[in-house]
């Protein structure tokens, strides 16, 4: 029971940090609405750089934006490949909370690989044919009305008659903040991880208190709290608990050492699933020192959270083509990494 409680607290810490980061990014996204679309250029290299930036943004937002731009024929197939290789979906938040320095290094590597893969993809003969199979007007870009999230002179006007959702969010974040401060959640000692969690929690509280009702209900409550957070917590808790049980009864480290290439194939195949969550298995294994960096890197190259789901609805050919390209690059990089011993 004690072990389950520790796993629960660990999952709660990670999910709480993920929640605060997602909330802040959602806030920034609304405040900078249309910035990416307005800066689309005819330069193919600028498309790759933009696509890589979209992929590097934690969460599914950047990937969804890239799919929208692709279906509007605003970026090439190669640029879409760049985004999907560079993205880690919601798992990016988790990696930043568990091993931030290595997560940043991993992101820089997959961004570079994504740009290279995008350039190679656009040189292939079939790449340009995708413009002909896409409709003249793809599904519309998600337009978010500009909200006055920082109303002058009355920042705390919303607290005069707060909604149920606002009160619940304030209570949830306050409990998480207090639990982190006293060491019940996250690190017991004061270090940069605890300080980062506290800073993001305070920022989240400020956002929750000051944003207008529409933003709070539609973007924070309906989008993040109701859709993302339950699934993220269940995946994290389930993965941590499964790994803990396996480590008690199975010499997982020895099996991994003896079956590195089989594990690489499994990691790449799991990456095909268009869903945030399965990749957390390899994130957790890497965090515990069970698998090498190259396995996590290969998995990160292939998986893209649920960022590709809109493309699956729009163009199944496009979906499977991008996935096939990512599998090839994931396997190549993974094999090279294992041969080099990292």
C-alpha atoms as a PDB file:
ATOM      1  CA  UNK A   1       0.000   0.000   0.000  1.00  0.00           C
ATOM      2  CA  UNK A   2       2.857   2.380   0.842  1.00  0.00           C
ATOM      3  CA  UNK A   3       4.363   1.805  -2.608  1.00  0.00           C
ATOM      4  CA  UNK A   4       1.005   2.519  -4.294  1.00  0.00           C
ATOM      5  CA  UNK A   5       0.684   5.780  -2.318  1.00  0.00           C
ATOM      6  CA  UNK A   6       4.175   6.830  -3.416  1.00  0.00           C
ATOM      7  CA  UNK A   7       3.345   6.027  -7.038  1.00  0.00           C
ATOM      8  CA  UNK A   8       0.110   7.993  -6.685  1.00  0.00           C
ATOM      9  CA  UNK A   9       1.961  11.037  -5.302  1.00  0.00           C
ATOM     10  CA  UNK A  10       4.547  10.836  -8.069  1.00  0.00           C
ATOM     11  CA  UNK A  11       1.821  10.650 -10.716  1.00  0.00           C
ATOM     12  CA  UNK A  12       0.008  13.536  -9.040  1.00  0.00           C
ATOM     13  CA  UNK A  13       3.156  15.685  -9.087  1.00  0.00           C
ATOM     14  CA  UNK A  14       3.800  15.019 -12.766  1.00  0.00           C
ATOM     15  CA  UNK A  15       0.157  15.554 -13.733  1.00  0.00           C
ATOM     16  CA  UNK A  16       0.001  18.766 -11.713  1.00  0.00           C
ATOM     17  CA  UNK A  17       3.057  20.159 -13.459  1.00  0.00           C
ATOM     18  CA  UNK A  18       1.670  19.084 -16.829  1.00  0.00           C
ATOM     19  CA  UNK A  19      -1.607  20.836 -16.013  1.00  0.00           C
ATOM     20  CA  UNK A  20       0.037  24.132 -15.054  1.00  0.00           C
ATOM     21  CA  UNK A  21       2.255  24.105 -18.148  1.00  0.00           C
ATOM     22  CA  UNK A  22      -0.661  23.286 -20.459  1.00  0.00           C
ATOM     23  CA  UNK A  23      -2.686  26.071 -18.888  1.00  0.00           C
ATOM     24  CA  UNK A  24       0.114  28.615 -19.402  1.00  0.00           C
ATOM     25  CA  UNK A  25       0.691  27.543 -23.007  1.00  0.00           C
ATOM     26  CA  UNK A  26      -3.031  27.695 -23.770  1.00  0.00           C
ATOM     27  CA  UNK A  27      -3.034  31.226 -22.349  1.00  0.00           C
ATOM     28  CA  UNK A  28      -0.057  32.273 -24.474  1.00  0.00           C
ATOM     29  CA  UNK A  29      -1.633  30.702 -27.551  1.00  0.00           C
ATOM     30  CA  UNK A  30      -4.793  32.761 -27.230  1.00  0.00           C
ATOM     31  CA  UNK A  31      -2.846  35.927 -26.580  1.00  0.00           C
ATOM     32  CA  UNK A  32      -0.782  35.416 -29.757  1.00  0.00           C
ATOM     33  CA  UNK A  33      -3.608  34.155 -31.982  1.00  0.00           C
ATOM     34  CA  UNK A  34      -2.765  33.997 -35.681  1.00  0.00           C
ATOM     35  CA  UNK A  35       0.950  34.725 -35.195  1.00  0.00           C
ATOM     36  CA  UNK A  36       2.126  31.490 -36.832  1.00  0.00           C
ATOM     37  CA  UNK A  37      -0.310  31.700 -39.724  1.00  0.00           C
ATOM     38  CA  UNK A  38       0.597  35.318 -40.501  1.00  0.00           C
ATOM     39  CA  UNK A  39       4.293  34.426 -40.664  1.00  0.00           C
ATOM     40  CA  UNK A  40       3.964  31.620 -43.192  1.00  0.00           C
ATOM     41  CA  UNK A  41       6.445  32.274 -45.964  1.00  0.00           C
ATOM     42  CA  UNK A  42       6.932  30.941 -49.444  1.00  0.00           C
ATOM     43  CA  UNK A  43      10.478  30.007 -48.455  1.00  0.00           C
ATOM     44  CA  UNK A  44      10.589  26.248 -47.958  1.00  0.00           C
ATOM     45  CA  UNK A  45      13.311  26.533 -45.311  1.00  0.00           C
ATOM     46  CA  UNK A  46      11.217  28.993 -43.339  1.00  0.00           C
ATOM     47  CA  UNK A  47       8.407  26.443 -43.538  1.00  0.00           C
ATOM     48  CA  UNK A  48      10.718  23.817 -42.037  1.00  0.00           C
ATOM     49  CA  UNK A  49      11.772  26.178 -39.257  1.00  0.00           C
ATOM     50  CA  UNK A  50       8.153  27.097 -38.528  1.00  0.00           C
ATOM     51  CA  UNK A  51       7.144  23.426 -38.620  1.00  0.00           C
ATOM     52  CA  UNK A  52       9.984  22.521 -36.247  1.00  0.00           C
ATOM     53  CA  UNK A  53       8.919  25.281 -33.860  1.00  0.00           C
ATOM     54  CA  UNK A  54       5.326  24.026 -33.900  1.00  0.00           C
ATOM     55  CA  UNK A  55       6.552  20.527 -33.148  1.00  0.00           C
ATOM     56  CA  UNK A  56       8.818  21.667 -30.336  1.00  0.00           C
ATOM     57  CA  UNK A  57       5.914  23.315 -28.512  1.00  0.00           C
ATOM     58  CA  UNK A  58       4.792  20.891 -25.777  1.00  0.00           C
ATOM     59  CA  UNK A  59       1.305  19.463 -26.227  1.00  0.00           C
ATOM     60  CA  UNK A  60      -0.843  18.838 -29.290  1.00  0.00           C
ATOM     61  CA  UNK A  61      -1.430  22.471 -30.230  1.00  0.00           C
ATOM     62  CA  UNK A  62       1.549  22.796 -32.573  1.00  0.00           C
ATOM     63  CA  UNK A  63       0.811  19.498 -34.316  1.00  0.00           C
ATOM     64  CA  UNK A  64      -2.851  20.405 -34.830  1.00  0.00           C
ATOM     65  CA  UNK A  65      -1.788  23.765 -36.275  1.00  0.00           C
ATOM     66  CA  UNK A  66       0.638  22.086 -38.694  1.00  0.00           C
ATOM     67  CA  UNK A  67      -2.059  19.690 -39.914  1.00  0.00           C
ATOM     68  CA  UNK A  68      -4.384  22.633 -40.464  1.00  0.00           C
ATOM     69  CA  UNK A  69      -1.722  24.516 -42.419  1.00  0.00           C
ATOM     70  CA  UNK A  70      -0.968  21.403 -44.492  1.00  0.00           C
ATOM     71  CA  UNK A  71      -4.588  20.763 -45.378  1.00  0.00           C
ATOM     72  CA  UNK A  72      -4.842  24.418 -46.390  1.00  0.00           C
ATOM     73  CA  UNK A  73      -1.830  23.817 -48.681  1.00  0.00           C
ATOM     74  CA  UNK A  74       0.177  26.399 -46.752  1.00  0.00           C
ATOM     75  CA  UNK A  75       3.050  24.051 -45.870  1.00  0.00           C
ATOM     76  CA  UNK A  76       4.509  21.076 -47.704  1.00  0.00           C
ATOM     77  CA  UNK A  77       4.342  17.395 -46.853  1.00  0.00           C
ATOM     78  CA  UNK A  78       7.971  17.610 -45.770  1.00  0.00           C
ATOM     79  CA  UNK A  79       7.173  20.445 -43.377  1.00  0.00           C
ATOM     80  CA  UNK A  80       4.390  18.327 -41.871  1.00  0.00           C
ATOM     81  CA  UNK A  81       6.873  15.466 -41.417  1.00  0.00           C
ATOM     82  CA  UNK A  82       9.184  17.936 -39.677  1.00  0.00           C
ATOM     83  CA  UNK A  83       6.482  18.852 -37.175  1.00  0.00           C
ATOM     84  CA  UNK A  84       5.465  15.265 -36.457  1.00  0.00           C
ATOM     85  CA  UNK A  85       9.046  14.153 -35.847  1.00  0.00           C
ATOM     86  CA  UNK A  86       9.773  17.217 -33.704  1.00  0.00           C
ATOM     87  CA  UNK A  87       6.665  16.858 -31.549  1.00  0.00           C
ATOM     88  CA  UNK A  88       6.347  14.740 -28.433  1.00  0.00           C
ATOM     89  CA  UNK A  89       2.732  15.686 -27.704  1.00  0.00           C
ATOM     90  CA  UNK A  90       1.632  15.839 -24.071  1.00  0.00           C
ATOM     91  CA  UNK A  91       4.554  13.576 -23.157  1.00  0.00           C
ATOM     92  CA  UNK A  92       6.882  16.574 -23.592  1.00  0.00           C
ATOM     93  CA  UNK A  93       5.429  18.068 -20.410  1.00  0.00           C
ATOM     94  CA  UNK A  94       6.035  14.800 -18.591  1.00  0.00           C
ATOM     95  CA  UNK A  95       9.635  14.504 -19.798  1.00  0.00           C
ATOM     96  CA  UNK A  96      10.317  18.098 -18.763  1.00  0.00           C
ATOM     97  CA  UNK A  97       9.070  17.278 -15.279  1.00  0.00           C
ATOM     98  CA  UNK A  98      11.007  14.005 -14.952  1.00  0.00           C
ATOM     99  CA  UNK A  99      14.357  14.758 -16.679  1.00  0.00           C
ATOM    100  CA  UNK A 100      14.299  18.371 -17.943  1.00  0.00           C
ATOM    101  CA  UNK A 101      17.889  18.687 -19.183  1.00  0.00           C
ATOM    102  CA  UNK A 102      17.775  15.475 -21.214  1.00  0.00           C
ATOM    103  CA  UNK A 103      14.260  16.370 -22.420  1.00  0.00           C
ATOM    104  CA  UNK A 104      15.588  19.640 -23.853  1.00  0.00           C
ATOM    105  CA  UNK A 105      18.493  17.820 -25.514  1.00  0.00           C
ATOM    106  CA  UNK A 106      16.081  15.250 -26.963  1.00  0.00           C
ATOM    107  CA  UNK A 107      13.845  18.024 -28.319  1.00  0.00           C
ATOM    108  CA  UNK A 108      16.791  19.746 -30.020  1.00  0.00           C
ATOM    109  CA  UNK A 109      17.845  16.439 -31.601  1.00  0.00           C
ATOM    110  CA  UNK A 110      14.394  15.545 -32.961  1.00  0.00           C
ATOM    111  CA  UNK A 111      13.976  19.110 -34.249  1.00  0.00           C
ATOM    112  CA  UNK A 112      17.211  18.720 -36.254  1.00  0.00           C
ATOM    113  CA  UNK A 113      16.179  15.256 -37.467  1.00  0.00           C
ATOM    114  CA  UNK A 114      12.731  16.598 -38.357  1.00  0.00           C
ATOM    115  CA  UNK A 115      14.157  19.377 -40.533  1.00  0.00           C
ATOM    116  CA  UNK A 116      16.452  16.910 -42.319  1.00  0.00           C
ATOM    117  CA  UNK A 117      13.600  14.425 -42.795  1.00  0.00           C
ATOM    118  CA  UNK A 118      11.324  17.177 -44.109  1.00  0.00           C
ATOM    119  CA  UNK A 119      13.899  18.280 -46.666  1.00  0.00           C
ATOM    120  CA  UNK A 120      14.442  14.701 -47.872  1.00  0.00           C
ATOM    121  CA  UNK A 121      10.682  14.057 -48.017  1.00  0.00           C
ATOM    122  CA  UNK A 122      10.049  17.063 -50.256  1.00  0.00           C
ATOM    123  CA  UNK A 123      12.721  15.800 -52.649  1.00  0.00           C
ATOM    124  CA  UNK A 124      10.845  12.534 -53.160  1.00  0.00           C
ATOM    125  CA  UNK A 125       8.680  12.350 -56.326  1.00  0.00           C
ATOM    126  CA  UNK A 126       5.395  11.587 -54.561  1.00  0.00           C
ATOM    127  CA  UNK A 127       5.618  14.564 -52.196  1.00  0.00           C
ATOM    128  CA  UNK A 128       4.116  17.182 -54.524  1.00  0.00           C
ATOM    129  CA  UNK A 129       1.248  14.880 -55.496  1.00  0.00           C
ATOM    130  CA  UNK A 130      -0.349  15.436 -52.098  1.00  0.00           C
ATOM    131  CA  UNK A 131      -1.455  18.908 -53.092  1.00  0.00           C
ATOM    132  CA  UNK A 132      -3.686  17.326 -55.709  1.00  0.00           C
ATOM    133  CA  UNK A 133      -5.464  14.960 -53.313  1.00  0.00           C
ATOM    134  CA  UNK A 134      -6.176  17.594 -50.683  1.00  0.00           C
ATOM    135  CA  UNK A 135      -9.405  19.597 -50.983  1.00  0.00           C
ATOM    136  CA  UNK A 136      -9.128  23.213 -52.080  1.00  0.00           C
ATOM    137  CA  UNK A 137     -10.369  24.235 -48.647  1.00  0.00           C
ATOM    138  CA  UNK A 138      -9.372  21.916 -45.840  1.00  0.00           C
ATOM    139  CA  UNK A 139     -11.092  21.924 -42.490  1.00  0.00           C
ATOM    140  CA  UNK A 140     -10.999  25.437 -41.037  1.00  0.00           C
ATOM    141  CA  UNK A 141      -8.273  26.557 -38.714  1.00  0.00           C
ATOM    142  CA  UNK A 142      -9.425  26.713 -35.133  1.00  0.00           C
ATOM    143  CA  UNK A 143     -10.037  30.404 -34.652  1.00  0.00           C
ATOM    144  CA  UNK A 144      -9.950  31.621 -31.101  1.00  0.00           C
ATOM    145  CA  UNK A 145     -11.465  34.979 -30.344  1.00  0.00           C
ATOM    146  CA  UNK A 146      -9.034  37.432 -28.817  1.00  0.00           C
ATOM    147  CA  UNK A 147      -9.920  37.805 -25.166  1.00  0.00           C
ATOM    148  CA  UNK A 148      -8.929  40.572 -22.810  1.00  0.00           C
ATOM    149  CA  UNK A 149      -7.088  38.329 -20.405  1.00  0.00           C
ATOM    150  CA  UNK A 150      -5.443  41.238 -18.609  1.00  0.00           C
ATOM    151  CA  UNK A 151      -8.237  43.781 -18.069  1.00  0.00           C
ATOM    152  CA  UNK A 152      -6.762  47.025 -16.810  1.00  0.00           C
ATOM    153  CA  UNK A 153      -7.769  48.399 -13.408  1.00  0.00           C
ATOM    154  CA  UNK A 154      -9.967  45.407 -12.555  1.00  0.00           C
ATOM    155  CA  UNK A 155      -7.785  42.312 -12.653  1.00  0.00           C
ATOM    156  CA  UNK A 156      -9.756  40.594  -9.911  1.00  0.00           C
ATOM    157  CA  UNK A 157     -13.229  41.554 -11.089  1.00  0.00           C
ATOM    158  CA  UNK A 158     -14.002  37.877 -11.749  1.00  0.00           C
ATOM    159  CA  UNK A 159     -13.720  37.051  -8.049  1.00  0.00           C
ATOM    160  CA  UNK A 160     -16.784  39.141  -7.122  1.00  0.00           C
ATOM    161  CA  UNK A 161     -19.076  36.420  -8.442  1.00  0.00           C
ATOM    162  CA  UNK A 162     -16.872  33.455  -9.422  1.00  0.00           C
ATOM    163  CA  UNK A 163     -18.244  30.520 -11.374  1.00  0.00           C
ATOM    164  CA  UNK A 164     -18.140  26.956 -10.071  1.00  0.00           C
ATOM    165  CA  UNK A 165     -15.383  26.071 -12.542  1.00  0.00           C
ATOM    166  CA  UNK A 166     -13.241  29.005 -11.419  1.00  0.00           C
ATOM    167  CA  UNK A 167     -13.620  28.087  -7.755  1.00  0.00           C
ATOM    168  CA  UNK A 168     -12.779  24.435  -8.430  1.00  0.00           C
ATOM    169  CA  UNK A 169      -9.676  25.353 -10.449  1.00  0.00           C
ATOM    170  CA  UNK A 170      -8.490  27.734  -7.728  1.00  0.00           C
ATOM    171  CA  UNK A 171      -8.978  25.036  -5.084  1.00  0.00           C
ATOM    172  CA  UNK A 172      -7.235  22.351  -7.158  1.00  0.00           C
ATOM    173  CA  UNK A 173      -4.194  24.484  -7.980  1.00  0.00           C
ATOM    174  CA  UNK A 174      -3.997  25.843  -4.408  1.00  0.00           C
ATOM    175  CA  UNK A 175      -3.974  22.315  -2.950  1.00  0.00           C
ATOM    176  CA  UNK A 176      -1.303  21.271  -5.444  1.00  0.00           C
ATOM    177  CA  UNK A 177       0.739  24.393  -4.647  1.00  0.00           C
ATOM    178  CA  UNK A 178       0.450  23.885  -0.878  1.00  0.00           C
ATOM    179  CA  UNK A 179       1.241  20.164  -1.146  1.00  0.00           C
ATOM    180  CA  UNK A 180       4.344  20.968  -3.178  1.00  0.00           C
ATOM    181  CA  UNK A 181       5.473  23.691  -0.764  1.00  0.00           C
ATOM    182  CA  UNK A 182       5.324  21.390   2.290  1.00  0.00           C
ATOM    183  CA  UNK A 183       6.893  18.436   0.451  1.00  0.00           C
ATOM    184  CA  UNK A 184       3.886  16.122   0.332  1.00  0.00           C
ATOM    185  CA  UNK A 185       3.883  16.338  -3.460  1.00  0.00           C
ATOM    186  CA  UNK A 186       7.119  16.341  -5.437  1.00  0.00           C
ATOM    187  CA  UNK A 187      10.608  16.866  -3.955  1.00  0.00           C
ATOM    188  CA  UNK A 188      10.773  17.177  -0.173  1.00  0.00           C
ATOM    189  CA  UNK A 189      13.900  19.321  -0.290  1.00  0.00           C
ATOM    190  CA  UNK A 190      14.025  22.742  -1.880  1.00  0.00           C
ATOM    191  CA  UNK A 191      15.595  22.530  -5.321  1.00  0.00           C
ATOM    192  CA  UNK A 192      15.049  24.019  -8.751  1.00  0.00           C
ATOM    193  CA  UNK A 193      12.353  21.409  -9.551  1.00  0.00           C
ATOM    194  CA  UNK A 194      10.247  22.437  -6.559  1.00  0.00           C
ATOM    195  CA  UNK A 195      10.822  26.134  -7.309  1.00  0.00           C
ATOM    196  CA  UNK A 196       9.793  25.653 -10.959  1.00  0.00           C
ATOM    197  CA  UNK A 197       6.599  23.841  -9.952  1.00  0.00           C
ATOM    198  CA  UNK A 198       5.741  26.593  -7.464  1.00  0.00           C
ATOM    199  CA  UNK A 199       6.359  29.350 -10.019  1.00  0.00           C
ATOM    200  CA  UNK A 200       4.184  27.688 -12.661  1.00  0.00           C
ATOM    201  CA  UNK A 201       1.498  27.074 -10.031  1.00  0.00           C
ATOM    202  CA  UNK A 202       1.440  30.747  -9.016  1.00  0.00           C
ATOM    203  CA  UNK A 203       1.246  31.770 -12.695  1.00  0.00           C
ATOM    204  CA  UNK A 204      -1.620  29.332 -13.170  1.00  0.00           C
ATOM    205  CA  UNK A 205      -3.488  30.795 -10.211  1.00  0.00           C
ATOM    206  CA  UNK A 206      -3.061  34.295 -11.617  1.00  0.00           C
ATOM    207  CA  UNK A 207      -4.378  33.160 -15.004  1.00  0.00           C
ATOM    208  CA  UNK A 208      -7.358  31.354 -13.454  1.00  0.00           C
ATOM    209  CA  UNK A 209      -8.294  34.403 -11.394  1.00  0.00           C
ATOM    210  CA  UNK A 210      -7.934  37.027 -14.150  1.00  0.00           C
ATOM    211  CA  UNK A 211      -9.106  35.445 -17.419  1.00  0.00           C
ATOM    212  CA  UNK A 212     -12.687  36.034 -18.612  1.00  0.00           C
ATOM    213  CA  UNK A 213     -15.365  33.411 -18.165  1.00  0.00           C
ATOM    214  CA  UNK A 214     -15.375  32.185 -21.773  1.00  0.00           C
ATOM    215  CA  UNK A 215     -11.639  31.505 -21.789  1.00  0.00           C
ATOM    216  CA  UNK A 216     -11.816  29.774 -18.424  1.00  0.00           C
ATOM    217  CA  UNK A 217     -14.711  27.481 -19.357  1.00  0.00           C
ATOM    218  CA  UNK A 218     -13.907  26.709 -22.998  1.00  0.00           C
ATOM    219  CA  UNK A 219     -10.113  26.569 -22.978  1.00  0.00           C
ATOM    220  CA  UNK A 220      -9.117  25.718 -19.423  1.00  0.00           C
ATOM    221  CA  UNK A 221     -12.030  23.651 -18.127  1.00  0.00           C
ATOM    222  CA  UNK A 222     -13.547  21.986 -21.213  1.00  0.00           C
ATOM    223  CA  UNK A 223     -10.269  21.533 -23.086  1.00  0.00           C
ATOM    224  CA  UNK A 224      -7.527  20.929 -20.512  1.00  0.00           C
ATOM    225  CA  UNK A 225      -9.325  19.708 -17.379  1.00  0.00           C
ATOM    226  CA  UNK A 226     -12.031  17.558 -18.944  1.00  0.00           C
ATOM    227  CA  UNK A 227     -10.152  16.170 -21.962  1.00  0.00           C
ATOM    228  CA  UNK A 228      -6.426  16.055 -21.242  1.00  0.00           C
ATOM    229  CA  UNK A 229      -5.813  15.810 -17.506  1.00  0.00           C
ATOM    230  CA  UNK A 230      -7.828  12.650 -16.614  1.00  0.00           C
ATOM    231  CA  UNK A 231      -6.233  10.673 -19.446  1.00  0.00           C
ATOM    232  CA  UNK A 232      -2.753  11.966 -18.642  1.00  0.00           C
ATOM    233  CA  UNK A 233      -3.061  11.095 -14.945  1.00  0.00           C
ATOM    234  CA  UNK A 234      -4.416   7.602 -15.631  1.00  0.00           C
ATOM    235  CA  UNK A 235      -1.658   6.870 -18.143  1.00  0.00           C
ATOM    236  CA  UNK A 236       1.052   8.187 -15.824  1.00  0.00           C
ATOM    237  CA  UNK A 237      -0.278   6.371 -12.758  1.00  0.00           C
ATOM    238  CA  UNK A 238      -0.880   3.155 -14.693  1.00  0.00           C
ATOM    239  CA  UNK A 239       2.536   3.257 -16.300  1.00  0.00           C
ATOM    240  CA  UNK A 240       4.376   4.019 -13.049  1.00  0.00           C
ATOM    241  CA  UNK A 241       2.468   1.280 -11.213  1.00  0.00           C
ATOM    242  CA  UNK A 242       3.058  -1.259 -13.987  1.00  0.00           C
ATOM    243  CA  UNK A 243       6.777  -0.499 -14.093  1.00  0.00           C
ATOM    244  CA  UNK A 244       6.974  -0.730 -10.299  1.00  0.00           C
ATOM    245  CA  UNK A 245       5.289  -4.161 -10.293  1.00  0.00           C
ATOM    246  CA  UNK A 246       7.458  -5.409 -13.146  1.00  0.00           C
ATOM    247  CA  UNK A 247      10.602  -4.256 -11.370  1.00  0.00           C
ATOM    248  CA  UNK A 248       9.532  -6.291  -8.294  1.00  0.00           C
ATOM    249  CA  UNK A 249       8.943  -9.573 -10.121  1.00  0.00           C
ATOM    250  CA  UNK A 250      10.875  -9.331 -13.369  1.00  0.00           C
ATOM    251  CA  UNK A 251      14.517  -8.507 -13.986  1.00  0.00           C
ATOM    252  CA  UNK A 252      13.450  -5.961 -16.579  1.00  0.00           C
ATOM    253  CA  UNK A 253      16.899  -4.443 -16.889  1.00  0.00           C
ATOM    254  CA  UNK A 254      18.478  -7.774 -17.875  1.00  0.00           C
ATOM    255  CA  UNK A 255      15.732  -8.455 -20.425  1.00  0.00           C
ATOM    256  CA  UNK A 256      16.228  -5.021 -21.974  1.00  0.00           C
ATOM    257  CA  UNK A 257      20.001  -5.479 -22.178  1.00  0.00           C
ATOM    258  CA  UNK A 258      19.552  -8.843 -23.918  1.00  0.00           C
ATOM    259  CA  UNK A 259      16.798  -7.681 -26.278  1.00  0.00           C
ATOM    260  CA  UNK A 260      17.672  -4.104 -27.235  1.00  0.00           C
ATOM    261  CA  UNK A 261      16.744  -4.439 -30.908  1.00  0.00           C
ATOM    262  CA  UNK A 262      13.451  -6.158 -30.134  1.00  0.00           C
ATOM    263  CA  UNK A 263      12.646  -3.337 -27.727  1.00  0.00           C
ATOM    264  CA  UNK A 264      13.558  -0.813 -30.430  1.00  0.00           C
ATOM    265  CA  UNK A 265      11.054  -2.399 -32.819  1.00  0.00           C
ATOM    266  CA  UNK A 266       8.386  -2.403 -30.093  1.00  0.00           C
ATOM    267  CA  UNK A 267       9.077   1.258 -29.298  1.00  0.00           C
ATOM    268  CA  UNK A 268       8.758   2.248 -32.949  1.00  0.00           C
ATOM    269  CA  UNK A 269       5.575   0.222 -33.459  1.00  0.00           C
ATOM    270  CA  UNK A 270       3.976   1.689 -30.324  1.00  0.00           C
ATOM    271  CA  UNK A 271       4.781   5.124 -31.739  1.00  0.00           C
ATOM    272  CA  UNK A 272       2.372   4.469 -34.606  1.00  0.00           C
ATOM    273  CA  UNK A 273      -0.595   4.710 -32.217  1.00  0.00           C
ATOM    274  CA  UNK A 274      -2.139   8.193 -32.681  1.00  0.00           C
ATOM    275  CA  UNK A 275      -2.715   8.748 -29.000  1.00  0.00           C
ATOM    276  CA  UNK A 276      -0.939  10.387 -26.094  1.00  0.00           C
ATOM    277  CA  UNK A 277      -0.059   7.869 -23.425  1.00  0.00           C
ATOM    278  CA  UNK A 278       1.639   4.716 -24.763  1.00  0.00           C
ATOM    279  CA  UNK A 279       4.912   6.599 -25.222  1.00  0.00           C
ATOM    280  CA  UNK A 280       4.955   7.207 -21.455  1.00  0.00           C
ATOM    281  CA  UNK A 281       6.019   3.589 -20.998  1.00  0.00           C
ATOM    282  CA  UNK A 282       9.371   4.377 -22.627  1.00  0.00           C
ATOM    283  CA  UNK A 283       9.613   7.754 -20.910  1.00  0.00           C
ATOM    284  CA  UNK A 284       9.247   6.009 -17.549  1.00  0.00           C
ATOM    285  CA  UNK A 285      11.689   3.227 -18.459  1.00  0.00           C
ATOM    286  CA  UNK A 286      14.274   5.799 -19.512  1.00  0.00           C
ATOM    287  CA  UNK A 287      13.743   7.881 -16.370  1.00  0.00           C
ATOM    288  CA  UNK A 288      14.399   4.769 -14.268  1.00  0.00           C
ATOM    289  CA  UNK A 289      17.602   4.012 -16.198  1.00  0.00           C
ATOM    290  CA  UNK A 290      16.208   0.817 -17.729  1.00  0.00           C
ATOM    291  CA  UNK A 291      16.481   1.719 -21.430  1.00  0.00           C
ATOM    292  CA  UNK A 292      19.113   3.766 -23.286  1.00  0.00           C
ATOM    293  CA  UNK A 293      18.555   7.219 -24.748  1.00  0.00           C
ATOM    294  CA  UNK A 294      18.481   5.853 -28.316  1.00  0.00           C
ATOM    295  CA  UNK A 295      15.295   3.828 -27.628  1.00  0.00           C
ATOM    296  CA  UNK A 296      13.530   6.875 -26.218  1.00  0.00           C
ATOM    297  CA  UNK A 297      14.782   8.938 -29.156  1.00  0.00           C
ATOM    298  CA  UNK A 298      13.455   6.442 -31.716  1.00  0.00           C
ATOM    299  CA  UNK A 299      10.092   6.311 -29.961  1.00  0.00           C
ATOM    300  CA  UNK A 300       9.944  10.118 -29.835  1.00  0.00           C
ATOM    301  CA  UNK A 301      10.642  10.365 -33.568  1.00  0.00           C
ATOM    302  CA  UNK A 302       7.750   8.082 -34.504  1.00  0.00           C
ATOM    303  CA  UNK A 303       5.114   9.074 -31.939  1.00  0.00           C
ATOM    304  CA  UNK A 304       3.276  12.397 -32.154  1.00  0.00           C
ATOM    305  CA  UNK A 305       0.605  12.077 -29.465  1.00  0.00           C
ATOM    306  CA  UNK A 306      -2.796  12.589 -31.026  1.00  0.00           C
ATOM    307  CA  UNK A 307      -1.545  15.382 -33.264  1.00  0.00           C
ATOM    308  CA  UNK A 308      -2.123  13.292 -36.395  1.00  0.00           C
ATOM    309  CA  UNK A 309      -5.752  12.440 -35.689  1.00  0.00           C
ATOM    310  CA  UNK A 310      -7.098  15.423 -37.697  1.00  0.00           C
ATOM    311  CA  UNK A 311      -5.025  14.289 -40.696  1.00  0.00           C
ATOM    312  CA  UNK A 312      -6.416  10.752 -40.367  1.00  0.00           C
ATOM    313  CA  UNK A 313      -9.892  12.236 -40.799  1.00  0.00           C
ATOM    314  CA  UNK A 314      -8.797  14.442 -43.706  1.00  0.00           C
ATOM    315  CA  UNK A 315      -6.407  12.173 -45.641  1.00  0.00           C
ATOM    316  CA  UNK A 316      -5.714   8.574 -44.666  1.00  0.00           C
ATOM    317  CA  UNK A 317      -3.047   8.403 -47.365  1.00  0.00           C
ATOM    318  CA  UNK A 318      -1.334  11.411 -45.840  1.00  0.00           C
ATOM    319  CA  UNK A 319      -1.564   9.922 -42.350  1.00  0.00           C
ATOM    320  CA  UNK A 320       0.025   6.586 -43.278  1.00  0.00           C
ATOM    321  CA  UNK A 321       2.636   8.241 -45.509  1.00  0.00           C
ATOM    322  CA  UNK A 322       3.856  10.514 -42.713  1.00  0.00           C
ATOM    323  CA  UNK A 323       3.846   7.613 -40.248  1.00  0.00           C
ATOM    324  CA  UNK A 324       5.827   5.423 -42.664  1.00  0.00           C
ATOM    325  CA  UNK A 325       8.457   8.149 -43.124  1.00  0.00           C
ATOM    326  CA  UNK A 326       8.717   8.627 -39.370  1.00  0.00           C
ATOM    327  CA  UNK A 327       9.110   4.868 -38.839  1.00  0.00           C
ATOM    328  CA  UNK A 328      11.997   4.755 -41.305  1.00  0.00           C
ATOM    329  CA  UNK A 329      13.825   7.622 -39.629  1.00  0.00           C
ATOM    330  CA  UNK A 330      13.048   6.280 -36.158  1.00  0.00           C
ATOM    331  CA  UNK A 331      14.486   2.859 -36.991  1.00  0.00           C
ATOM    332  CA  UNK A 332      17.592   4.325 -38.651  1.00  0.00           C
ATOM    333  CA  UNK A 333      18.348   6.664 -35.755  1.00  0.00           C
ATOM    334  CA  UNK A 334      17.581   3.959 -33.176  1.00  0.00           C
ATOM    335  CA  UNK A 335      19.871   1.391 -34.807  1.00  0.00           C
ATOM    336  CA  UNK A 336      22.694   3.920 -35.177  1.00  0.00           C
ATOM    337  CA  UNK A 337      22.242   4.886 -31.536  1.00  0.00           C
ATOM    338  CA  UNK A 338      22.413   1.296 -30.328  1.00  0.00           C
ATOM    339  CA  UNK A 339      25.463   0.573 -32.459  1.00  0.00           C
ATOM    340  CA  UNK A 340      27.194   3.652 -31.046  1.00  0.00           C
ATOM    341  CA  UNK A 341      26.193   2.658 -27.541  1.00  0.00           C
ATOM    342  CA  UNK A 342      24.038   5.559 -26.392  1.00  0.00           C
END
